[in-house]
PDB file of N, CA and C in Angstrom:
ATOM      1  N   UNK A   1      92.520  84.785 110.433  1.00  0.00           N
ATOM      2  CA  UNK A   1      92.599  85.861 109.449  1.00  0.00           C
ATOM      3  C   UNK A   1      92.007  85.335 108.138  1.00  0.00           C
ATOM      4  N   UNK A   2      91.122  86.100 107.548  1.00  0.00           N
ATOM      5  CA  UNK A   2      90.465  85.701 106.310  1.00  0.00           C
ATOM      6  C   UNK A   2      91.450  85.719 105.146  1.00  0.00           C
ATOM      7  N   UNK A   3      91.144  84.946 104.127  1.00  0.00           N
ATOM      8  CA  UNK A   3      92.032  84.832 102.966  1.00  0.00           C
ATOM      9  C   UNK A   3      92.298  86.191 102.323  1.00  0.00           C
ATOM     10  N   UNK A   4      91.274  87.020 102.233  1.00  0.00           N
ATOM     11  CA  UNK A   4      91.454  88.341 101.626  1.00  0.00           C
ATOM     12  C   UNK A   4      92.473  89.163 102.412  1.00  0.00           C
ATOM     13  N   UNK A   5      92.372  89.128 103.716  1.00  0.00           N
ATOM     14  CA  UNK A   5      93.301  89.887 104.552  1.00  0.00           C
ATOM     15  C   UNK A   5      94.726  89.368 104.398  1.00  0.00           C
ATOM     16  N   UNK A   6      94.873  88.044 104.294  1.00  0.00           N
ATOM     17  CA  UNK A   6      96.198  87.456 104.104  1.00  0.00           C
ATOM     18  C   UNK A   6      96.787  87.923 102.779  1.00  0.00           C
ATOM     19  N   UNK A   7      95.979  87.887 101.728  1.00  0.00           N
ATOM     20  CA  UNK A   7      96.459  88.324 100.416  1.00  0.00           C
ATOM     21  C   UNK A   7      96.827  89.802 100.426  1.00  0.00           C
ATOM     22  N   UNK A   8      96.018  90.620 101.083  1.00  0.00           N
ATOM     23  CA  UNK A   8      96.330  92.046 101.180  1.00  0.00           C
ATOM     24  C   UNK A   8      97.638  92.268 101.930  1.00  0.00           C
ATOM     25  N   UNK A   9      97.824  91.538 103.016  1.00  0.00           N
ATOM     26  CA  UNK A   9      99.055  91.659 103.790  1.00  0.00           C
ATOM     27  C   UNK A   9     100.263  91.242 102.957  1.00  0.00           C
ATOM     28  N   UNK A  10     100.144  90.125 102.247  1.00  0.00           N
ATOM     29  CA  UNK A  10     101.236  89.679 101.382  1.00  0.00           C
ATOM     30  C   UNK A  10     101.531  90.710 100.298  1.00  0.00           C
ATOM     31  N   UNK A  11     100.503  91.272  99.728  1.00  0.00           N
ATOM     32  CA  UNK A  11     100.683  92.295  98.699  1.00  0.00           C
ATOM     33  C   UNK A  11     101.397  93.526  99.232  1.00  0.00           C
ATOM     34  N   UNK A  12     101.057  93.919 100.438  1.00  0.00           N
ATOM     35  CA  UNK A  12     101.730  95.078 101.047  1.00  0.00           C
ATOM     36  C   UNK A  12     103.189  94.762 101.360  1.00  0.00           C
ATOM     37  N   UNK A  13     103.423  93.560 101.882  1.00  0.00           N
ATOM     38  CA  UNK A  13     104.789  93.167 102.232  1.00  0.00           C
ATOM     39  C   UNK A  13     105.693  93.078 101.009  1.00  0.00           C
ATOM     40  N   UNK A  14     105.142  92.646  99.886  1.00  0.00           N
ATOM     41  CA  UNK A  14     105.939  92.520  98.663  1.00  0.00           C
ATOM     42  C   UNK A  14     105.972  93.809  97.853  1.00  0.00           C
ATOM     43  N   UNK A  15     105.189  94.806  98.275  1.00  0.00           N
ATOM     44  CA  UNK A  15     105.167  96.075  97.562  1.00  0.00           C
ATOM     45  C   UNK A  15     104.215  96.108  96.382  1.00  0.00           C
ATOM     46  N   UNK A  16     103.460  95.044  96.189  1.00  0.00           N
ATOM     47  CA  UNK A  16     102.509  94.995  95.078  1.00  0.00           C
ATOM     48  C   UNK A  16     101.250  95.808  95.361  1.00  0.00           C
ATOM     49  N   UNK A  17     100.968  96.031  96.623  1.00  0.00           N
ATOM     50  CA  UNK A  17      99.823  96.848  97.027  1.00  0.00           C
ATOM     51  C   UNK A  17     100.360  97.966  97.904  1.00  0.00           C
ATOM     52  N   UNK A  18      99.997  99.194  97.554  1.00  0.00           N
ATOM     53  CA  UNK A  18     100.414 100.343  98.351  1.00  0.00           C
ATOM     54  C   UNK A  18      99.601 100.438  99.625  1.00  0.00           C
ATOM     55  N   UNK A  19      99.973 101.342 100.514  1.00  0.00           N
ATOM     56  CA  UNK A  19      99.264 101.469 101.784  1.00  0.00           C
ATOM     57  C   UNK A  19      97.827 101.959 101.632  1.00  0.00           C
ATOM     58  N   UNK A  20      97.550 102.680 100.567  1.00  0.00           N
ATOM     59  CA  UNK A  20      96.185 103.148 100.339  1.00  0.00           C
ATOM     60  C   UNK A  20      95.836 102.972  98.877  1.00  0.00           C
ATOM     61  N   UNK A  21      94.577 102.815  98.631  1.00  0.00           N
ATOM     62  CA  UNK A  21      94.085 102.727  97.261  1.00  0.00           C
ATOM     63  C   UNK A  21      93.074 103.842  97.067  1.00  0.00           C
ATOM     64  N   UNK A  22      93.174 104.533  95.956  1.00  0.00           N
ATOM     65  CA  UNK A  22      92.263 105.634  95.683  1.00  0.00           C
ATOM     66  C   UNK A  22      91.758 105.504  94.256  1.00  0.00           C
ATOM     67  N   UNK A  23      90.469 105.641  94.115  1.00  0.00           N
ATOM     68  CA  UNK A  23      89.853 105.594  92.800  1.00  0.00           C
ATOM     69  C   UNK A  23      89.312 106.982  92.501  1.00  0.00           C
ATOM     70  N   UNK A  24      89.754 107.553  91.405  1.00  0.00           N
ATOM     71  CA  UNK A  24      89.311 108.885  91.023  1.00  0.00           C
ATOM     72  C   UNK A  24      88.433 108.762  89.786  1.00  0.00           C
ATOM     73  N   UNK A  25      87.184 109.140  89.929  1.00  0.00           N
ATOM     74  CA  UNK A  25      86.279 109.045  88.789  1.00  0.00           C
ATOM     75  C   UNK A  25      85.983 110.396  88.166  1.00  0.00           C
ATOM     76  N   UNK A  26      86.284 111.472  88.865  1.00  0.00           N
ATOM     77  CA  UNK A  26      85.863 112.783  88.382  1.00  0.00           C
ATOM     78  C   UNK A  26      86.552 113.199  87.092  1.00  0.00           C
ATOM     79  N   UNK A  27      87.679 112.590  86.762  1.00  0.00           N
ATOM     80  CA  UNK A  27      88.365 112.930  85.523  1.00  0.00           C
ATOM     81  C   UNK A  27      88.017 111.984  84.381  1.00  0.00           C
ATOM     82  N   UNK A  28      87.174 111.004  84.643  1.00  0.00           N
ATOM     83  CA  UNK A  28      86.852 110.019  83.617  1.00  0.00           C
ATOM     84  C   UNK A  28      85.830 110.575  82.624  1.00  0.00           C
ATOM     85  N   UNK A  29      85.890 110.122  81.379  1.00  0.00           N
ATOM     86  CA  UNK A  29      84.906 110.555  80.379  1.00  0.00           C
ATOM     87  C   UNK A  29      83.473 110.220  80.795  1.00  0.00           C
ATOM     88  N   UNK A  30      83.290 109.081  81.444  1.00  0.00           N
ATOM     89  CA  UNK A  30      81.941 108.690  81.874  1.00  0.00           C
ATOM     90  C   UNK A  30      81.398 109.697  82.894  1.00  0.00           C
ATOM     91  N   UNK A  31      82.231 110.100  83.853  1.00  0.00           N
ATOM     92  CA  UNK A  31      81.781 111.075  84.847  1.00  0.00           C
ATOM     93  C   UNK A  31      81.453 112.399  84.182  1.00  0.00           C
ATOM     94  N   UNK A  32      82.244 112.824  83.199  1.00  0.00           N
ATOM     95  CA  UNK A  32      81.975 114.089  82.504  1.00  0.00           C
ATOM     96  C   UNK A  32      80.618 114.029  81.807  1.00  0.00           C
ATOM     97  N   UNK A  33      80.260 112.872  81.229  1.00  0.00           N
ATOM     98  CA  UNK A  33      78.939 112.726  80.597  1.00  0.00           C
ATOM     99  C   UNK A  33      77.829 112.805  81.643  1.00  0.00           C
ATOM    100  N   UNK A  34      78.043 112.172  82.784  1.00  0.00           N
ATOM    101  CA  UNK A  34      77.049 112.215  83.864  1.00  0.00           C
ATOM    102  C   UNK A  34      76.874 113.647  84.360  1.00  0.00           C
ATOM    103  N   UNK A  35      77.991 114.329  84.558  1.00  0.00           N
ATOM    104  CA  UNK A  35      77.948 115.717  85.019  1.00  0.00           C
ATOM    105  C   UNK A  35      77.208 116.598  84.008  1.00  0.00           C
ATOM    106  N   UNK A  36      77.453 116.373  82.721  1.00  0.00           N
ATOM    107  CA  UNK A  36      76.762 117.125  81.678  1.00  0.00           C
ATOM    108  C   UNK A  36      75.269 116.852  81.666  1.00  0.00           C
ATOM    109  N   UNK A  37      74.899 115.590  81.875  1.00  0.00           N
ATOM    110  CA  UNK A  37      73.478 115.230  81.910  1.00  0.00           C
ATOM    111  C   UNK A  37      72.784 115.890  83.097  1.00  0.00           C
ATOM    112  N   UNK A  38      73.458 115.911  84.232  1.00  0.00           N
ATOM    113  CA  UNK A  38      72.887 116.563  85.421  1.00  0.00           C
ATOM    114  C   UNK A  38      72.720 118.059  85.162  1.00  0.00           C
ATOM    115  N   UNK A  39      73.742 118.683  84.598  1.00  0.00           N
ATOM    116  CA  UNK A  39      73.671 120.120  84.311  1.00  0.00           C
ATOM    117  C   UNK A  39      72.543 120.419  83.332  1.00  0.00           C
ATOM    118  N   UNK A  40      72.398 119.594  82.310  1.00  0.00           N
ATOM    119  CA  UNK A  40      71.327 119.792  81.338  1.00  0.00           C
ATOM    120  C   UNK A  40      69.950 119.648  81.962  1.00  0.00           C
ATOM    121  N   UNK A  41      69.803 118.651  82.813  1.00  0.00           N
ATOM    122  CA  UNK A  41      68.511 118.417  83.460  1.00  0.00           C
ATOM    123  C   UNK A  41      68.147 119.542  84.419  1.00  0.00           C
ATOM    124  N   UNK A  42      69.163 120.190  84.988  1.00  0.00           N
ATOM    125  CA  UNK A  42      68.906 121.254  85.956  1.00  0.00           C
ATOM    126  C   UNK A  42      68.913 122.650  85.338  1.00  0.00           C
ATOM    127  N   UNK A  43      69.085 122.739  84.036  1.00  0.00           N
ATOM    128  CA  UNK A  43      69.184 124.042  83.373  1.00  0.00           C
ATOM    129  C   UNK A  43      67.969 124.936  83.646  1.00  0.00           C
ATOM    130  N   UNK A  44      66.808 124.349  83.768  1.00  0.00           N
ATOM    131  CA  UNK A  44      65.585 125.126  84.017  1.00  0.00           C
ATOM    132  C   UNK A  44      65.360 125.423  85.498  1.00  0.00           C
ATOM    133  N   UNK A  45      66.260 124.948  86.341  1.00  0.00           N
ATOM    134  CA  UNK A  45      66.107 125.102  87.784  1.00  0.00           C
ATOM    135  C   UNK A  45      67.398 125.679  88.370  1.00  0.00           C
ATOM    136  N   UNK A  46      67.617 126.991  88.220  1.00  0.00           N
ATOM    137  CA  UNK A  46      68.898 127.589  88.607  1.00  0.00           C
ATOM    138  C   UNK A  46      69.286 127.399  90.073  1.00  0.00           C
ATOM    139  N   UNK A  47      68.322 127.454  90.977  1.00  0.00           N
ATOM    140  CA  UNK A  47      68.665 127.264  92.393  1.00  0.00           C
ATOM    141  C   UNK A  47      69.125 125.834  92.655  1.00  0.00           C
ATOM    142  N   UNK A  48      68.427 124.872  92.071  1.00  0.00           N
ATOM    143  CA  UNK A  48      68.819 123.470  92.231  1.00  0.00           C
ATOM    144  C   UNK A  48      70.163 123.223  91.563  1.00  0.00           C
ATOM    145  N   UNK A  49      70.377 123.830  90.394  1.00  0.00           N
ATOM    146  CA  UNK A  49      71.649 123.677  89.688  1.00  0.00           C
ATOM    147  C   UNK A  49      72.802 124.203  90.534  1.00  0.00           C
ATOM    148  N   UNK A  50      72.594 125.332  91.183  1.00  0.00           N
ATOM    149  CA  UNK A  50      73.635 125.907  92.035  1.00  0.00           C
ATOM    150  C   UNK A  50      73.924 125.005  93.233  1.00  0.00           C
ATOM    151  N   UNK A  51      72.878 124.446  93.823  1.00  0.00           N
ATOM    152  CA  UNK A  51      73.063 123.562  94.976  1.00  0.00           C
ATOM    153  C   UNK A  51      73.803 122.287  94.583  1.00  0.00           C
ATOM    154  N   UNK A  52      73.440 121.709  93.454  1.00  0.00           N
ATOM    155  CA  UNK A  52      74.113 120.490  92.985  1.00  0.00           C
ATOM    156  C   UNK A  52      75.555 120.797  92.616  1.00  0.00           C
ATOM    157  N   UNK A  53      75.771 121.915  91.947  1.00  0.00           N
ATOM    158  CA  UNK A  53      77.125 122.315  91.569  1.00  0.00           C
ATOM    159  C   UNK A  53      78.011 122.477  92.796  1.00  0.00           C
ATOM    160  N   UNK A  54      77.474 123.114  93.825  1.00  0.00           N
ATOM    161  CA  UNK A  54      78.233 123.313  95.063  1.00  0.00           C
ATOM    162  C   UNK A  54      78.545 121.973  95.719  1.00  0.00           C
ATOM    163  N   UNK A  55      77.557 121.090  95.779  1.00  0.00           N
ATOM    164  CA  UNK A  55      77.756 119.785  96.408  1.00  0.00           C
ATOM    165  C   UNK A  55      78.806 118.965  95.658  1.00  0.00           C
ATOM    166  N   UNK A  56      78.766 118.991  94.327  1.00  0.00           N
ATOM    167  CA  UNK A  56      79.748 118.247  93.536  1.00  0.00           C
ATOM    168  C   UNK A  56      81.144 118.833  93.695  1.00  0.00           C
ATOM    169  N   UNK A  57      81.238 120.150  93.741  1.00  0.00           N
ATOM    170  CA  UNK A  57      82.541 120.798  93.928  1.00  0.00           C
ATOM    171  C   UNK A  57      83.137 120.424  95.284  1.00  0.00           C
ATOM    172  N   UNK A  58      82.291 120.354  96.304  1.00  0.00           N
ATOM    173  CA  UNK A  58      82.769 119.963  97.636  1.00  0.00           C
ATOM    174  C   UNK A  58      83.256 118.520  97.642  1.00  0.00           C
ATOM    175  N   UNK A  59      82.549 117.645  96.922  1.00  0.00           N
ATOM    176  CA  UNK A  59      82.980 116.249  96.835  1.00  0.00           C
ATOM    177  C   UNK A  59      84.309 116.127  96.104  1.00  0.00           C
ATOM    178  N   UNK A  60      84.471 116.882  95.025  1.00  0.00           N
ATOM    179  CA  UNK A  60      85.705 116.818  94.247  1.00  0.00           C
ATOM    180  C   UNK A  60      86.885 117.363  95.037  1.00  0.00           C
ATOM    181  N   UNK A  61      86.630 118.331  95.922  1.00  0.00           N
ATOM    182  CA  UNK A  61      87.706 118.927  96.711  1.00  0.00           C
ATOM    183  C   UNK A  61      88.118 118.047  97.890  1.00  0.00           C
ATOM    184  N   UNK A  62      87.231 117.154  98.285  1.00  0.00           N
ATOM    185  CA  UNK A  62      87.515 116.307  99.469  1.00  0.00           C
ATOM    186  C   UNK A  62      88.558 115.253  99.181  1.00  0.00           C
TER     187      UNK A  62
END
């Protein structure tokens, strides 16, 4: 067993690491700036903007 796996197992056994880890970036200020930049760049392309908006909404819902 690799050292990383041993440490993860020890962390789970002691309760220091939960069973799953989740990183949420969609609520971060950096993501909001990225989303705004994408929207601005696509402002002249309504069909592309709609497709990107739909794809991002699907990712956020997953």
